[in-house]
Amino acid sequence: PQNGERLTYQIVGEDEADLREHKISVASPLGKAVMDRNVGEEVEVMAPGGVQKYRITGVESANN
């Protein structure tokens, strides 16, 4: 992500992942990094281009 850019991802099972649709696998590095985290927390993810930082600004449940 670019500095200050807001992105929205849906965490899904491995067979449903599609980055073009912003659906990431629970087993992906980003999926693993955000699991069991809370709004306001920052996570770091190792990507091919280096470490990427993400801040969790909201969480929605599909079970609402």
C-alpha atoms as a PDB file:
ATOM      1  CA  PRO A   1       0.000   0.000   0.000  1.00  0.00           C
ATOM      2  CA  GLN A   2       1.049   3.573  -0.582  1.00  0.00           C
ATOM      3  CA  ASN A   3       1.509   5.848   2.408  1.00  0.00           C
ATOM      4  CA  GLY A   4      -1.941   6.694   3.777  1.00  0.00           C
ATOM      5  CA  GLU A   5      -3.775   4.574   1.212  1.00  0.00           C
ATOM      6  CA  ARG A   6      -6.839   2.752   2.568  1.00  0.00           C
ATOM      7  CA  LEU A   7      -7.391  -0.796   1.401  1.00  0.00           C
ATOM      8  CA  THR A   8     -10.178  -3.201   2.231  1.00  0.00           C
ATOM      9  CA  TYR A   9      -9.602  -6.950   2.217  1.00  0.00           C
ATOM     10  CA  GLN A  10     -11.869  -9.892   2.860  1.00  0.00           C
ATOM     11  CA  ILE A  11     -10.202 -12.848   4.573  1.00  0.00           C
ATOM     12  CA  VAL A  12     -11.373 -16.093   2.997  1.00  0.00           C
ATOM     13  CA  GLY A  13     -10.439 -19.754   2.765  1.00  0.00           C
ATOM     14  CA  GLU A  14      -7.507 -20.705   0.552  1.00  0.00           C
ATOM     15  CA  ASP A  15      -9.757 -21.896  -2.287  1.00  0.00           C
ATOM     16  CA  GLU A  16     -11.636 -18.547  -2.421  1.00  0.00           C
ATOM     17  CA  ALA A  17      -8.620 -16.212  -2.478  1.00  0.00           C
ATOM     18  CA  ASP A  18      -8.498 -13.731  -5.372  1.00  0.00           C
ATOM     19  CA  LEU A  19      -6.266 -10.696  -4.944  1.00  0.00           C
ATOM     20  CA  ARG A  20      -7.998  -8.832  -7.818  1.00  0.00           C
ATOM     21  CA  GLU A  21     -11.194  -8.976  -5.743  1.00  0.00           C
ATOM     22  CA  HIS A  22      -9.311  -8.078  -2.529  1.00  0.00           C
ATOM     23  CA  LYS A  23      -9.970 -11.547  -1.116  1.00  0.00           C
ATOM     24  CA  ILE A  24      -6.933 -12.864   0.716  1.00  0.00           C
ATOM     25  CA  SER A  25      -6.380 -16.295   2.146  1.00  0.00           C
ATOM     26  CA  VAL A  26      -6.369 -16.796   5.879  1.00  0.00           C
ATOM     27  CA  ALA A  27      -3.112 -18.711   5.230  1.00  0.00           C
ATOM     28  CA  SER A  28      -1.437 -15.782   3.412  1.00  0.00           C
ATOM     29  CA  PRO A  29       1.168 -13.658   5.212  1.00  0.00           C
ATOM     30  CA  LEU A  30      -1.282 -10.742   5.520  1.00  0.00           C
ATOM     31  CA  GLY A  31      -4.146 -13.015   6.536  1.00  0.00           C
ATOM     32  CA  LYS A  32      -2.021 -14.573   9.280  1.00  0.00           C
ATOM     33  CA  ALA A  33      -0.777 -11.167  10.444  1.00  0.00           C
ATOM     34  CA  VAL A  34      -4.239  -9.704  11.027  1.00  0.00           C
ATOM     35  CA  MET A  35      -5.923 -12.708  12.616  1.00  0.00           C
ATOM     36  CA  ASP A  36      -6.777 -12.148  16.283  1.00  0.00           C
ATOM     37  CA  ARG A  37      -5.753  -8.473  16.055  1.00  0.00           C
ATOM     38  CA  ASN A  38      -7.855  -5.470  17.026  1.00  0.00           C
ATOM     39  CA  VAL A  39      -8.810  -2.174  15.452  1.00  0.00           C
ATOM     40  CA  GLY A  40      -5.975   0.314  15.864  1.00  0.00           C
ATOM     41  CA  GLU A  41      -3.228  -2.295  15.862  1.00  0.00           C
ATOM     42  CA  GLU A  42      -0.433  -2.130  13.304  1.00  0.00           C
ATOM     43  CA  VAL A  43       0.987  -5.249  11.697  1.00  0.00           C
ATOM     44  CA  GLU A  44       4.083  -5.794   9.587  1.00  0.00           C
ATOM     45  CA  VAL A  45       4.126  -8.233   6.694  1.00  0.00           C
ATOM     46  CA  MET A  46       7.181  -9.404   4.766  1.00  0.00           C
ATOM     47  CA  ALA A  47       6.486  -8.924   1.054  1.00  0.00           C
ATOM     48  CA  PRO A  48       8.733  -9.472  -1.969  1.00  0.00           C
ATOM     49  CA  GLY A  49       9.502  -5.735  -2.007  1.00  0.00           C
ATOM     50  CA  GLY A  50      10.278  -5.605   1.718  1.00  0.00           C
ATOM     51  CA  VAL A  51       8.308  -5.101   4.901  1.00  0.00           C
ATOM     52  CA  GLN A  52       4.833  -3.592   4.479  1.00  0.00           C
ATOM     53  CA  LYS A  53       3.026  -1.990   7.410  1.00  0.00           C
ATOM     54  CA  TYR A  54      -0.744  -2.085   7.813  1.00  0.00           C
ATOM     55  CA  ARG A  55      -2.968  -0.481  10.442  1.00  0.00           C
ATOM     56  CA  ILE A  56      -6.300  -2.153  11.158  1.00  0.00           C
ATOM     57  CA  THR A  57      -8.951   0.560  10.945  1.00  0.00           C
ATOM     58  CA  GLY A  58     -12.063  -1.598  11.017  1.00  0.00           C
ATOM     59  CA  VAL A  59     -13.354  -5.135  11.195  1.00  0.00           C
ATOM     60  CA  GLU A  60     -16.626  -6.464   9.836  1.00  0.00           C
ATOM     61  CA  SER A  61     -18.039  -9.915  10.274  1.00  0.00           C
ATOM     62  CA  ALA A  62     -19.859 -11.751   7.514  1.00  0.00           C
ATOM     63  CA  ASN A  63     -21.955 -13.376  10.241  1.00  0.00           C
ATOM     64  CA  ASN A  64     -23.891 -10.190  11.134  1.00  0.00           C
END
